[in-house]
N, C-alpha and C. Protein backbone atom coordinates (compact mmCIF):
# COMPACT_ATOMS: atom_id res chain seq x y z
N MET A 1 106.06 86.27 91.77
CA MET A 1 106.19 87.07 90.57
C MET A 1 106.25 88.54 91.01
N THR A 2 107.11 89.31 90.40
CA THR A 2 107.19 90.74 90.67
C THR A 2 106.35 91.48 89.61
N VAL A 3 105.22 91.97 90.01
CA VAL A 3 104.35 92.71 89.10
C VAL A 3 104.81 94.16 89.10
N ARG A 4 104.97 94.73 87.92
CA ARG A 4 105.40 96.11 87.80
C ARG A 4 104.33 97.04 87.26
N ARG A 5 103.28 96.47 86.63
CA ARG A 5 102.21 97.31 86.10
C ARG A 5 100.91 96.53 86.10
N VAL A 6 99.85 97.24 86.43
CA VAL A 6 98.51 96.68 86.39
C VAL A 6 97.68 97.56 85.45
N ARG A 7 96.96 96.93 84.54
CA ARG A 7 96.10 97.67 83.62
C ARG A 7 94.67 97.30 83.96
N VAL A 8 93.82 98.34 84.16
CA VAL A 8 92.42 98.14 84.54
C VAL A 8 91.55 98.87 83.52
N GLY A 9 90.60 98.12 82.94
CA GLY A 9 89.62 98.71 82.03
C GLY A 9 88.26 98.68 82.69
N GLN A 10 87.47 99.70 82.42
CA GLN A 10 86.11 99.76 82.98
C GLN A 10 85.24 100.53 81.99
N PRO A 11 83.92 100.36 82.08
CA PRO A 11 83.01 101.00 81.14
C PRO A 11 82.99 102.52 81.29
N GLY A 12 82.42 103.17 80.30
CA GLY A 12 82.32 104.63 80.31
C GLY A 12 81.21 105.14 81.22
N GLU A 13 80.22 104.34 81.49
CA GLU A 13 79.10 104.77 82.33
C GLU A 13 79.51 104.91 83.79
N PRO A 14 79.33 106.09 84.38
CA PRO A 14 79.84 106.35 85.74
C PRO A 14 79.34 105.37 86.81
N GLY A 15 78.14 104.88 86.73
CA GLY A 15 77.61 103.99 87.74
C GLY A 15 78.32 102.65 87.80
N TYR A 16 79.09 102.30 86.78
CA TYR A 16 79.79 101.02 86.73
C TYR A 16 81.30 101.20 86.81
N ARG A 17 81.73 102.34 87.27
CA ARG A 17 83.15 102.69 87.34
C ARG A 17 83.59 102.83 88.79
N GLN A 18 84.88 102.80 89.00
CA GLN A 18 85.49 103.08 90.30
C GLN A 18 86.50 104.20 90.08
N ALA A 19 86.49 105.19 90.96
CA ALA A 19 87.44 106.30 90.85
C ALA A 19 88.76 106.00 91.59
N LEU A 20 88.68 105.18 92.64
CA LEU A 20 89.86 104.88 93.44
C LEU A 20 89.97 103.37 93.72
N VAL A 21 91.20 102.85 93.67
CA VAL A 21 91.43 101.44 93.99
C VAL A 21 92.70 101.32 94.82
N ARG A 22 92.83 100.16 95.47
CA ARG A 22 94.04 99.74 96.13
C ARG A 22 94.58 98.52 95.40
N VAL A 23 95.90 98.46 95.24
CA VAL A 23 96.54 97.26 94.70
C VAL A 23 97.18 96.53 95.86
N GLU A 24 96.84 95.26 96.00
CA GLU A 24 97.34 94.48 97.13
C GLU A 24 97.96 93.17 96.66
N LYS A 25 98.84 92.63 97.47
CA LYS A 25 99.50 91.35 97.17
C LYS A 25 99.56 90.52 98.43
N SER A 26 99.66 89.21 98.23
CA SER A 26 99.79 88.29 99.36
C SER A 26 101.02 87.44 99.15
N VAL A 27 101.83 87.34 100.17
CA VAL A 27 103.03 86.50 100.12
C VAL A 27 102.88 85.25 100.97
N ASP A 28 101.67 85.07 101.54
CA ASP A 28 101.44 83.90 102.41
C ASP A 28 100.20 83.10 101.99
N GLY A 29 99.96 83.05 100.67
CA GLY A 29 98.86 82.22 100.17
C GLY A 29 97.49 82.79 100.39
N GLY A 30 97.38 84.08 100.67
CA GLY A 30 96.09 84.73 100.84
C GLY A 30 95.63 84.88 102.26
N ALA A 31 96.46 84.46 103.22
CA ALA A 31 96.09 84.62 104.62
C ALA A 31 96.07 86.10 105.02
N SER A 32 96.94 86.88 104.43
CA SER A 32 96.96 88.33 104.68
C SER A 32 97.31 89.05 103.39
N TRP A 33 96.92 90.32 103.33
CA TRP A 33 97.13 91.13 102.12
C TRP A 33 97.91 92.38 102.51
N LEU A 34 98.88 92.73 101.67
CA LEU A 34 99.73 93.90 101.89
C LEU A 34 99.54 94.89 100.77
N PRO A 35 99.65 96.18 101.06
CA PRO A 35 99.57 97.15 99.97
C PRO A 35 100.79 97.00 99.05
N ALA A 36 100.55 96.99 97.75
CA ALA A 36 101.65 96.91 96.79
C ALA A 36 102.25 98.30 96.54
N LEU A 37 101.53 99.34 96.92
CA LEU A 37 102.04 100.71 96.87
C LEU A 37 101.28 101.50 97.93
N PRO A 38 101.86 102.57 98.40
CA PRO A 38 101.20 103.32 99.45
C PRO A 38 99.97 104.07 98.92
N GLY A 39 98.93 104.05 99.69
CA GLY A 39 97.74 104.85 99.38
C GLY A 39 96.86 104.30 98.28
N LEU A 40 95.92 105.13 97.88
CA LEU A 40 94.95 104.78 96.85
C LEU A 40 95.44 105.28 95.49
N VAL A 41 94.93 104.65 94.43
CA VAL A 41 95.27 105.04 93.07
C VAL A 41 94.00 105.49 92.39
N GLY A 42 94.05 106.61 91.72
CA GLY A 42 92.91 107.10 90.96
C GLY A 42 92.87 106.46 89.57
N LEU A 43 91.69 106.05 89.17
CA LEU A 43 91.47 105.52 87.80
C LEU A 43 90.74 106.60 87.01
N SER A 44 91.33 106.98 85.88
CA SER A 44 90.67 107.95 85.02
C SER A 44 90.51 107.38 83.63
N GLY A 45 89.43 107.68 83.01
CA GLY A 45 89.17 107.13 81.69
C GLY A 45 88.70 105.69 81.74
N MET A 46 88.53 105.12 80.56
CA MET A 46 88.03 103.76 80.48
C MET A 46 89.15 102.73 80.65
N SER A 47 90.39 103.15 80.57
CA SER A 47 91.51 102.25 80.75
C SER A 47 92.63 103.00 81.44
N ALA A 48 93.18 102.41 82.47
CA ALA A 48 94.24 103.06 83.23
C ALA A 48 95.34 102.06 83.54
N SER A 49 96.57 102.53 83.54
CA SER A 49 97.72 101.72 83.94
C SER A 49 98.23 102.23 85.26
N ILE A 50 98.56 101.30 86.13
CA ILE A 50 99.10 101.61 87.45
C ILE A 50 100.52 101.06 87.52
N ASP A 51 101.50 101.92 87.61
CA ASP A 51 102.89 101.47 87.74
C ASP A 51 103.18 101.20 89.20
N LEU A 52 103.83 100.07 89.46
CA LEU A 52 104.13 99.67 90.83
C LEU A 52 105.62 99.76 91.11
N PRO A 53 105.99 100.11 92.32
CA PRO A 53 107.41 100.15 92.65
C PRO A 53 107.96 98.72 92.76
N VAL A 54 109.29 98.62 92.70
CA VAL A 54 109.93 97.33 92.89
C VAL A 54 109.65 96.89 94.33
N GLY A 55 109.27 95.65 94.48
CA GLY A 55 108.95 95.17 95.82
C GLY A 55 109.11 93.65 95.89
N GLU A 56 108.74 93.10 97.02
CA GLU A 56 108.84 91.66 97.23
C GLU A 56 107.92 90.93 96.27
N PRO A 57 108.40 89.88 95.61
CA PRO A 57 107.54 89.11 94.72
C PRO A 57 106.39 88.47 95.50
N ALA A 58 105.27 88.26 94.82
CA ALA A 58 104.12 87.61 95.44
C ALA A 58 103.42 86.73 94.42
N ARG A 59 102.75 85.71 94.91
CA ARG A 59 102.01 84.82 94.02
C ARG A 59 100.60 85.31 93.75
N LEU A 60 100.00 85.97 94.75
CA LEU A 60 98.61 86.42 94.63
C LEU A 60 98.55 87.95 94.62
N TRP A 61 97.74 88.49 93.71
CA TRP A 61 97.55 89.93 93.55
C TRP A 61 96.08 90.21 93.44
N ARG A 62 95.66 91.40 93.90
CA ARG A 62 94.26 91.79 93.72
C ARG A 62 94.12 93.31 93.65
N ILE A 63 93.01 93.72 93.05
CA ILE A 63 92.61 95.13 92.98
C ILE A 63 91.36 95.25 93.82
N VAL A 64 91.35 96.25 94.73
CA VAL A 64 90.22 96.42 95.64
C VAL A 64 89.59 97.80 95.38
N ALA A 65 88.29 97.79 95.14
CA ALA A 65 87.57 99.06 94.97
C ALA A 65 87.66 99.86 96.26
N ALA A 66 87.97 101.14 96.16
CA ALA A 66 88.18 101.97 97.36
C ALA A 66 87.30 103.21 97.39
N ALA A 67 86.41 103.35 96.42
CA ALA A 67 85.51 104.50 96.41
C ALA A 67 84.11 103.99 96.12
N ASP A 68 83.15 104.56 96.74
CA ASP A 68 81.76 104.13 96.48
C ASP A 68 81.16 105.02 95.41
N ASN A 69 81.34 104.62 94.16
CA ASN A 69 80.87 105.42 93.04
C ASN A 69 79.44 105.09 92.64
N ALA A 70 78.87 104.07 93.23
CA ALA A 70 77.51 103.65 92.86
C ALA A 70 76.51 104.73 93.24
N THR A 71 75.60 105.01 92.32
CA THR A 71 74.55 106.00 92.59
C THR A 71 73.21 105.34 92.77
N GLY A 72 73.14 104.03 92.63
CA GLY A 72 71.90 103.29 92.80
C GLY A 72 72.22 101.84 93.09
N PRO A 73 71.23 101.09 93.62
CA PRO A 73 71.48 99.68 93.97
C PRO A 73 71.79 98.80 92.78
N GLU A 74 71.43 99.21 91.58
CA GLU A 74 71.72 98.38 90.42
C GLU A 74 73.13 98.58 89.88
N HIS A 75 73.84 99.55 90.43
CA HIS A 75 75.21 99.81 89.97
C HIS A 75 76.21 98.92 90.68
N ALA A 76 77.15 98.45 89.92
CA ALA A 76 78.23 97.62 90.47
C ALA A 76 79.48 97.87 89.62
N TRP A 77 80.63 97.86 90.25
CA TRP A 77 81.88 98.07 89.50
C TRP A 77 82.03 96.95 88.50
N THR A 78 82.25 97.32 87.26
CA THR A 78 82.43 96.36 86.18
C THR A 78 83.82 96.52 85.61
N VAL A 79 84.62 95.50 85.76
CA VAL A 79 85.98 95.50 85.20
C VAL A 79 85.92 94.83 83.85
N THR A 80 86.33 95.54 82.81
CA THR A 80 86.29 95.00 81.45
C THR A 80 87.64 94.48 80.99
N GLU A 81 88.69 94.86 81.70
CA GLU A 81 90.05 94.42 81.36
C GLU A 81 90.87 94.42 82.65
N LEU A 82 91.67 93.39 82.85
CA LEU A 82 92.56 93.35 83.99
C LEU A 82 93.81 92.59 83.55
N ALA A 83 94.95 93.28 83.56
CA ALA A 83 96.20 92.68 83.13
C ALA A 83 97.31 93.05 84.10
N PHE A 84 98.09 92.04 84.47
CA PHE A 84 99.25 92.23 85.34
C PHE A 84 100.49 91.97 84.49
N THR A 85 101.43 92.91 84.51
CA THR A 85 102.66 92.79 83.73
C THR A 85 103.82 92.57 84.70
N ALA A 86 104.55 91.49 84.48
CA ALA A 86 105.69 91.16 85.34
C ALA A 86 106.95 91.83 84.84
N ASP A 87 107.88 92.02 85.74
CA ASP A 87 109.20 92.52 85.43
C ASP A 87 110.01 91.35 84.89
N ALA A 88 110.36 91.38 83.60
CA ALA A 88 111.07 90.26 82.96
C ALA A 88 112.37 89.96 83.65
N ALA A 89 113.08 90.98 84.13
CA ALA A 89 114.36 90.76 84.81
C ALA A 89 114.20 89.99 86.10
N ALA A 90 113.04 90.15 86.74
CA ALA A 90 112.79 89.47 88.02
C ALA A 90 112.14 88.11 87.81
N CYS A 91 111.83 87.80 86.57
CA CYS A 91 111.15 86.53 86.26
C CYS A 91 111.91 85.82 85.15
N PRO A 92 113.10 85.27 85.44
CA PRO A 92 113.93 84.69 84.39
C PRO A 92 113.26 83.58 83.58
N ALA A 93 112.39 82.82 84.21
CA ALA A 93 111.73 81.73 83.46
C ALA A 93 110.86 82.30 82.34
N ALA A 94 110.15 83.38 82.61
CA ALA A 94 109.30 84.00 81.60
C ALA A 94 110.16 84.65 80.53
N ALA A 95 111.25 85.29 80.92
CA ALA A 95 112.13 85.92 79.94
C ALA A 95 112.75 84.88 79.02
N SER A 96 113.16 83.74 79.59
CA SER A 96 113.74 82.65 78.81
C SER A 96 112.72 82.06 77.85
N ARG A 97 111.50 81.85 78.36
CA ARG A 97 110.42 81.30 77.52
C ARG A 97 110.15 82.22 76.35
N ASP A 98 110.04 83.53 76.60
CA ASP A 98 109.74 84.50 75.56
C ASP A 98 110.88 84.57 74.55
N ALA A 99 112.13 84.48 75.01
CA ALA A 99 113.28 84.55 74.11
C ALA A 99 113.37 83.32 73.21
N ASN A 100 112.89 82.18 73.69
CA ASN A 100 112.96 80.95 72.92
C ASN A 100 111.70 80.64 72.12
N ALA A 101 110.70 81.51 72.20
CA ALA A 101 109.43 81.27 71.51
C ALA A 101 109.64 81.39 70.02
N ALA A 102 108.91 80.57 69.28
CA ALA A 102 108.96 80.65 67.83
C ALA A 102 108.32 81.95 67.36
N PRO A 103 108.81 82.52 66.28
CA PRO A 103 108.18 83.74 65.77
C PRO A 103 106.72 83.52 65.45
N ARG A 104 105.91 84.50 65.72
CA ARG A 104 104.48 84.44 65.50
C ARG A 104 104.17 84.71 64.04
N ASP A 105 103.31 83.91 63.43
CA ASP A 105 102.88 84.13 62.05
C ASP A 105 101.57 84.89 62.08
N PRO A 106 101.57 86.20 61.72
CA PRO A 106 100.37 87.03 61.84
C PRO A 106 99.24 86.58 60.90
N SER A 107 99.53 85.76 59.90
CA SER A 107 98.48 85.31 58.98
C SER A 107 97.74 84.09 59.50
N THR A 108 98.21 83.49 60.60
CA THR A 108 97.59 82.31 61.16
C THR A 108 96.84 82.70 62.42
N PRO A 109 95.49 82.57 62.43
CA PRO A 109 94.72 82.91 63.64
C PRO A 109 95.16 82.08 64.81
N GLY A 110 95.28 82.77 65.98
CA GLY A 110 95.61 82.07 67.22
C GLY A 110 97.06 81.70 67.37
N SER A 111 97.91 82.13 66.41
CA SER A 111 99.34 81.79 66.57
C SER A 111 100.07 82.90 67.25
């Protein structure tokens, strides 16, 4: 899958946040990890989107904390949202599925 955007949510409390992350992908089943973009990415606010350049598709993706923001042993990075958005043009099966999906009825929960 070619991921083009990653959305990361984290709490407002600084001890549970990360200021810098790396986005990595694996094309060999997790035996090795490659940077999905050069360098580190800064996360600002409680929700941040990371746009990725066009690159080789991969099955496995991960976000790696790259800054030690913890101010005490009880602090740990807490991710409250994590979403990967694929490039529809590079994923024809998903584009076809979405195009053929039945219209959603907003009055029906879970539809």
